[in-house]
Amino acid sequence: VQLQASGGGLVQPGGSLRLSCAASGSISSVNVWAWYRQAPGKQRELVASITSSSTTYYADTVKGRFSIARDIARNTAYLQMNSLKLEDTAVYYCAAARRLGRPADYWGQGTQVTVSS
């Protein structure tokens, strides 16, 4: 499975961005789609995930502001980010796992999100 992330950029506080993660390859083996982020000097953290049965998870820091979705027909996962804050600045990575609760099996390249006034 190959993952291609896109959609990052520079946005002002309070603004919105939508990240996309286009997948190719053995998509049928994937049961969990996820977005992680890593800010400078910090560890990579799980931001949101969605399972094949559409069960979602959000980190407390993004609940109510971010929304994860997937388009099966387009083999693409999305992360809609609203009400962005300075502390959301990070490199965002899409990832996929074959099993829930297991580390990601596949990673895309990162896309930079910078929130700045």
N, C-alpha and C. Protein backbone atom coordinates (compact mmCIF):
# COMPACT_ATOMS: atom_id res chain seq x y z
N VAL A 1 0.85 -1.18 0.00
CA VAL A 1 0.00 0.00 0.00
C VAL A 1 0.89 1.24 0.00
N GLN A 2 0.60 2.14 -0.91
CA GLN A 2 1.32 3.40 -0.98
C GLN A 2 0.35 4.53 -0.63
N LEU A 3 0.81 5.46 0.19
CA LEU A 3 -0.02 6.57 0.64
C LEU A 3 0.63 7.89 0.22
N GLN A 4 -0.18 8.78 -0.28
CA GLN A 4 0.29 10.09 -0.74
C GLN A 4 -0.53 11.17 -0.05
N ALA A 5 0.10 11.90 0.85
CA ALA A 5 -0.59 12.96 1.58
C ALA A 5 -0.42 14.29 0.87
N SER A 6 -1.46 15.12 0.98
CA SER A 6 -1.41 16.45 0.38
C SER A 6 -2.36 17.37 1.13
N GLY A 7 -2.27 18.67 0.84
CA GLY A 7 -3.22 19.61 1.39
C GLY A 7 -2.69 20.51 2.48
N GLY A 8 -1.46 20.31 2.89
CA GLY A 8 -0.91 21.17 3.92
C GLY A 8 -0.66 22.58 3.40
N GLY A 9 -0.32 23.47 4.31
CA GLY A 9 -0.04 24.84 3.91
C GLY A 9 0.02 25.77 5.09
N LEU A 10 -0.01 27.05 4.78
CA LEU A 10 0.03 28.10 5.80
C LEU A 10 -1.36 28.68 5.97
N VAL A 11 -1.82 28.76 7.19
CA VAL A 11 -3.17 29.27 7.46
C VAL A 11 -3.13 30.10 8.74
N GLN A 12 -4.01 31.08 8.82
CA GLN A 12 -4.10 31.91 10.01
C GLN A 12 -4.88 31.20 11.11
N PRO A 13 -4.64 31.56 12.34
CA PRO A 13 -5.45 30.98 13.43
C PRO A 13 -6.93 31.17 13.17
N GLY A 14 -7.69 30.12 13.44
CA GLY A 14 -9.11 30.15 13.17
C GLY A 14 -9.49 29.66 11.79
N GLY A 15 -8.50 29.47 10.94
CA GLY A 15 -8.75 29.04 9.58
C GLY A 15 -8.94 27.54 9.47
N SER A 16 -9.09 27.08 8.22
CA SER A 16 -9.35 25.67 7.95
C SER A 16 -8.43 25.14 6.85
N LEU A 17 -8.18 23.86 6.92
CA LEU A 17 -7.46 23.15 5.87
C LEU A 17 -8.06 21.75 5.77
N ARG A 18 -7.96 21.17 4.60
CA ARG A 18 -8.34 19.77 4.44
C ARG A 18 -7.16 19.00 3.87
N LEU A 19 -6.74 18.00 4.60
CA LEU A 19 -5.67 17.12 4.15
C LEU A 19 -6.27 15.91 3.45
N SER A 20 -5.58 15.45 2.43
CA SER A 20 -6.01 14.26 1.70
C SER A 20 -4.91 13.21 1.74
N CYS A 21 -5.32 11.96 1.72
CA CYS A 21 -4.39 10.84 1.71
C CYS A 21 -4.88 9.85 0.66
N ALA A 22 -4.23 9.87 -0.49
CA ALA A 22 -4.60 8.99 -1.58
C ALA A 22 -3.84 7.68 -1.46
N ALA A 23 -4.57 6.59 -1.54
CA ALA A 23 -3.97 5.27 -1.37
C ALA A 23 -3.99 4.48 -2.66
N SER A 24 -2.99 3.64 -2.83
CA SER A 24 -2.93 2.73 -3.96
C SER A 24 -2.31 1.43 -3.49
N GLY A 25 -2.54 0.37 -4.25
CA GLY A 25 -2.01 -0.93 -3.88
C GLY A 25 -3.09 -1.82 -3.28
N SER A 26 -2.70 -2.63 -2.33
CA SER A 26 -3.62 -3.62 -1.72
C SER A 26 -4.49 -2.97 -0.66
N ILE A 27 -5.38 -2.11 -1.12
CA ILE A 27 -6.23 -1.34 -0.21
C ILE A 27 -7.11 -2.24 0.65
N SER A 28 -7.51 -3.37 0.10
CA SER A 28 -8.44 -4.25 0.81
C SER A 28 -7.87 -4.77 2.12
N SER A 29 -6.55 -4.71 2.28
CA SER A 29 -5.94 -5.20 3.51
C SER A 29 -6.00 -4.19 4.64
N VAL A 30 -6.39 -2.97 4.33
CA VAL A 30 -6.39 -1.89 5.32
C VAL A 30 -7.73 -1.82 6.04
N ASN A 31 -7.66 -1.78 7.35
CA ASN A 31 -8.88 -1.66 8.16
C ASN A 31 -8.93 -0.39 9.00
N VAL A 32 -7.80 0.29 9.11
CA VAL A 32 -7.75 1.52 9.90
C VAL A 32 -6.96 2.56 9.12
N TRP A 33 -7.56 3.74 8.99
CA TRP A 33 -6.88 4.88 8.40
C TRP A 33 -6.65 5.91 9.51
N ALA A 34 -5.50 6.54 9.47
CA ALA A 34 -5.19 7.45 10.58
C ALA A 34 -4.36 8.64 10.11
N TRP A 35 -4.44 9.66 10.90
CA TRP A 35 -3.57 10.83 10.73
C TRP A 35 -2.78 11.03 12.02
N TYR A 36 -1.48 11.22 11.87
CA TYR A 36 -0.59 11.54 12.97
C TYR A 36 0.01 12.92 12.69
N ARG A 37 0.60 13.48 13.71
CA ARG A 37 1.34 14.72 13.50
C ARG A 37 2.55 14.75 14.42
N GLN A 38 3.54 15.51 13.98
CA GLN A 38 4.74 15.69 14.78
C GLN A 38 5.17 17.14 14.71
N ALA A 39 5.12 17.78 15.86
CA ALA A 39 5.57 19.16 15.97
C ALA A 39 7.05 19.19 16.29
N PRO A 40 7.74 20.28 15.99
CA PRO A 40 9.18 20.37 16.28
C PRO A 40 9.48 20.08 17.74
N GLY A 41 10.41 19.18 17.98
CA GLY A 41 10.82 18.86 19.34
C GLY A 41 9.86 17.98 20.11
N LYS A 42 8.82 17.49 19.44
CA LYS A 42 7.84 16.65 20.13
C LYS A 42 7.74 15.29 19.45
N GLN A 43 7.16 14.35 20.17
CA GLN A 43 6.96 13.02 19.62
C GLN A 43 5.76 13.02 18.67
N ARG A 44 5.78 12.09 17.76
CA ARG A 44 4.65 11.92 16.85
C ARG A 44 3.44 11.48 17.66
N GLU A 45 2.28 12.07 17.37
CA GLU A 45 1.07 11.71 18.10
C GLU A 45 -0.06 11.39 17.14
N LEU A 46 -0.93 10.51 17.59
CA LEU A 46 -2.12 10.16 16.82
C LEU A 46 -3.14 11.28 16.95
N VAL A 47 -3.61 11.76 15.81
CA VAL A 47 -4.59 12.84 15.79
C VAL A 47 -6.00 12.30 15.64
N ALA A 48 -6.18 11.40 14.68
CA ALA A 48 -7.51 10.87 14.41
C ALA A 48 -7.37 9.57 13.63
N SER A 49 -8.39 8.72 13.77
CA SER A 49 -8.40 7.49 13.00
C SER A 49 -9.84 7.11 12.68
N ILE A 50 -9.98 6.28 11.65
CA ILE A 50 -11.29 5.78 11.26
C ILE A 50 -11.12 4.34 10.80
N THR A 51 -12.03 3.48 11.25
CA THR A 51 -11.95 2.08 10.89
C THR A 51 -12.81 1.79 9.67
N SER A 52 -12.71 0.56 9.19
CA SER A 52 -13.50 0.15 8.03
C SER A 52 -14.99 0.14 8.35
N SER A 53 -15.33 0.09 9.63
CA SER A 53 -16.74 0.17 10.04
C SER A 53 -17.12 1.59 10.44
N SER A 54 -16.25 2.54 10.12
CA SER A 54 -16.49 3.98 10.32
C SER A 54 -16.45 4.41 11.78
N THR A 55 -15.86 3.62 12.63
CA THR A 55 -15.64 4.05 14.01
C THR A 55 -14.48 5.04 14.02
N THR A 56 -14.69 6.17 14.66
CA THR A 56 -13.66 7.21 14.67
C THR A 56 -13.08 7.42 16.06
N TYR A 57 -11.88 7.93 16.05
CA TYR A 57 -11.18 8.32 17.28
C TYR A 57 -10.55 9.68 17.04
N TYR A 58 -10.60 10.53 18.05
CA TYR A 58 -9.94 11.83 17.97
C TYR A 58 -9.15 12.09 19.24
N ALA A 59 -7.99 12.66 19.10
CA ALA A 59 -7.24 13.11 20.26
C ALA A 59 -8.03 14.23 20.94
N ASP A 60 -7.92 14.32 22.23
CA ASP A 60 -8.67 15.34 22.98
C ASP A 60 -8.36 16.75 22.46
N THR A 61 -7.14 16.96 22.00
CA THR A 61 -6.73 18.29 21.58
C THR A 61 -7.41 18.75 20.29
N VAL A 62 -8.02 17.82 19.54
CA VAL A 62 -8.64 18.20 18.27
C VAL A 62 -10.13 17.91 18.23
N LYS A 63 -10.67 17.31 19.26
CA LYS A 63 -12.10 16.98 19.27
C LYS A 63 -12.95 18.22 19.07
N GLY A 64 -13.93 18.08 18.19
CA GLY A 64 -14.82 19.19 17.91
C GLY A 64 -14.29 20.14 16.85
N ARG A 65 -13.02 19.98 16.48
CA ARG A 65 -12.43 20.86 15.45
C ARG A 65 -12.02 20.10 14.20
N PHE A 66 -11.56 18.88 14.36
CA PHE A 66 -11.09 18.06 13.24
C PHE A 66 -12.11 16.97 12.95
N SER A 67 -12.14 16.56 11.69
CA SER A 67 -13.03 15.48 11.30
C SER A 67 -12.32 14.58 10.29
N ILE A 68 -12.34 13.28 10.55
CA ILE A 68 -11.71 12.33 9.64
C ILE A 68 -12.79 11.61 8.85
N ALA A 69 -12.51 11.36 7.59
CA ALA A 69 -13.46 10.67 6.73
C ALA A 69 -12.69 9.90 5.68
N ARG A 70 -13.39 8.99 5.03
CA ARG A 70 -12.76 8.25 3.94
C ARG A 70 -13.75 8.10 2.80
N ASP A 71 -13.22 8.14 1.60
CA ASP A 71 -14.02 7.95 0.39
C ASP A 71 -13.55 6.65 -0.24
N ILE A 72 -14.35 5.61 -0.07
CA ILE A 72 -13.94 4.29 -0.54
C ILE A 72 -13.76 4.28 -2.05
N ALA A 73 -14.65 4.94 -2.77
CA ALA A 73 -14.59 4.93 -4.24
C ALA A 73 -13.30 5.59 -4.75
N ARG A 74 -12.83 6.58 -4.01
CA ARG A 74 -11.62 7.29 -4.42
C ARG A 74 -10.37 6.79 -3.71
N ASN A 75 -10.52 5.80 -2.83
CA ASN A 75 -9.38 5.29 -2.06
C ASN A 75 -8.63 6.42 -1.38
N THR A 76 -9.38 7.30 -0.79
CA THR A 76 -8.79 8.49 -0.19
C THR A 76 -9.36 8.73 1.21
N ALA A 77 -8.48 9.10 2.11
CA ALA A 77 -8.90 9.52 3.45
C ALA A 77 -8.65 11.02 3.58
N TYR A 78 -9.47 11.65 4.40
CA TYR A 78 -9.39 13.09 4.56
C TYR A 78 -9.30 13.47 6.04
N LEU A 79 -8.70 14.61 6.27
CA LEU A 79 -8.73 15.19 7.60
C LEU A 79 -9.13 16.65 7.44
N GLN A 80 -10.36 16.95 7.81
CA GLN A 80 -10.85 18.33 7.77
C GLN A 80 -10.47 18.99 9.09
N MET A 81 -9.74 20.08 8.99
CA MET A 81 -9.26 20.77 10.18
C MET A 81 -9.84 22.17 10.22
N ASN A 82 -10.65 22.43 11.22
CA ASN A 82 -11.28 23.73 11.40
C ASN A 82 -10.79 24.40 12.68
N SER A 83 -11.03 25.68 12.78
CA SER A 83 -10.65 26.44 13.99
C SER A 83 -9.21 26.15 14.38
N LEU A 84 -8.34 26.22 13.41
CA LEU A 84 -6.94 25.86 13.65
C LEU A 84 -6.29 26.80 14.64
N LYS A 85 -5.41 26.22 15.45
CA LYS A 85 -4.70 26.96 16.48
C LYS A 85 -3.20 26.93 16.20
N LEU A 86 -2.48 27.83 16.82
CA LEU A 86 -1.03 27.87 16.64
C LEU A 86 -0.41 26.51 16.97
N GLU A 87 -0.94 25.88 18.01
CA GLU A 87 -0.37 24.60 18.45
C GLU A 87 -0.68 23.43 17.53
N ASP A 88 -1.47 23.66 16.49
CA ASP A 88 -1.71 22.62 15.49
C ASP A 88 -0.60 22.55 14.46
N THR A 89 0.32 23.49 14.52
CA THR A 89 1.44 23.50 13.59
C THR A 89 2.27 22.24 13.76
N ALA A 90 2.46 21.51 12.67
CA ALA A 90 3.18 20.24 12.71
C ALA A 90 3.27 19.68 11.30
N VAL A 91 4.06 18.63 11.18
CA VAL A 91 4.04 17.83 9.97
C VAL A 91 2.99 16.74 10.19
N TYR A 92 2.06 16.64 9.29
CA TYR A 92 0.98 15.67 9.39
C TYR A 92 1.26 14.49 8.47
N TYR A 93 1.07 13.28 9.01
CA TYR A 93 1.32 12.05 8.27
C TYR A 93 0.03 11.23 8.21
N CYS A 94 -0.26 10.70 7.04
CA CYS A 94 -1.33 9.73 6.98
C CYS A 94 -0.72 8.33 7.13
N ALA A 95 -1.51 7.44 7.67
CA ALA A 95 -1.05 6.09 7.94
C ALA A 95 -2.21 5.12 7.80
N ALA A 96 -1.87 3.87 7.64
CA ALA A 96 -2.89 2.83 7.52
C ALA A 96 -2.42 1.58 8.23
N ALA A 97 -3.37 0.86 8.80
CA ALA A 97 -3.05 -0.37 9.53
C ALA A 97 -3.98 -1.48 9.09
N ARG A 98 -3.48 -2.68 9.15
CA ARG A 98 -4.32 -3.81 8.80
C ARG A 98 -5.23 -4.20 9.96
N ARG A 99 -4.78 -3.91 11.19
CA ARG A 99 -5.56 -4.31 12.35
C ARG A 99 -5.70 -3.14 13.31
N LEU A 100 -6.88 -3.04 13.89
CA LEU A 100 -7.14 -2.02 14.88
C LEU A 100 -6.31 -2.29 16.13
N GLY A 101 -5.76 -1.24 16.70
CA GLY A 101 -4.98 -1.39 17.93
C GLY A 101 -3.53 -1.77 17.70
N ARG A 102 -3.16 -1.91 16.45
CA ARG A 102 -1.79 -2.26 16.12
C ARG A 102 -1.09 -1.06 15.51
N PRO A 103 0.24 -1.05 15.55
CA PRO A 103 0.96 0.07 14.91
C PRO A 103 0.65 0.12 13.42
N ALA A 104 0.79 1.30 12.87
CA ALA A 104 0.53 1.46 11.44
C ALA A 104 1.49 0.60 10.62
N ASP A 105 0.94 0.02 9.56
CA ASP A 105 1.75 -0.79 8.65
C ASP A 105 2.28 0.03 7.48
N TYR A 106 1.58 1.09 7.17
CA TYR A 106 1.95 1.88 6.01
C TYR A 106 1.93 3.36 6.38
N TRP A 107 2.87 4.10 5.82
CA TRP A 107 2.97 5.53 6.09
C TRP A 107 3.11 6.32 4.80
N GLY A 108 2.48 7.47 4.78
CA GLY A 108 2.70 8.39 3.69
C GLY A 108 3.77 9.40 4.08
N GLN A 109 4.16 10.19 3.12
CA GLN A 109 5.12 11.24 3.44
C GLN A 109 4.39 12.35 4.19
N GLY A 110 5.05 13.15 4.92
CA GLY A 110 4.40 14.18 5.69
C GLY A 110 4.01 15.39 4.85
N THR A 111 3.04 16.12 5.36
CA THR A 111 2.66 17.39 4.75
C THR A 111 2.65 18.45 5.85
N GLN A 112 3.30 19.56 5.59
CA GLN A 112 3.47 20.58 6.61
C GLN A 112 2.21 21.43 6.76
N VAL A 113 1.77 21.59 7.99
CA VAL A 113 0.69 22.50 8.32
C VAL A 113 1.26 23.56 9.26
N THR A 114 1.18 24.80 8.85
CA THR A 114 1.69 25.89 9.67
C THR A 114 0.55 26.87 9.96
N VAL A 115 0.28 27.06 11.24
CA VAL A 115 -0.75 28.01 11.65
C VAL A 115 -0.03 29.22 12.24
N SER A 116 -0.19 30.34 11.59
CA SER A 116 0.55 31.53 12.00
C SER A 116 -0.20 32.79 11.58
N SER A 117 -0.11 33.80 12.41
CA SER A 117 -0.72 35.08 12.07
C SER A 117 0.31 35.99 11.38
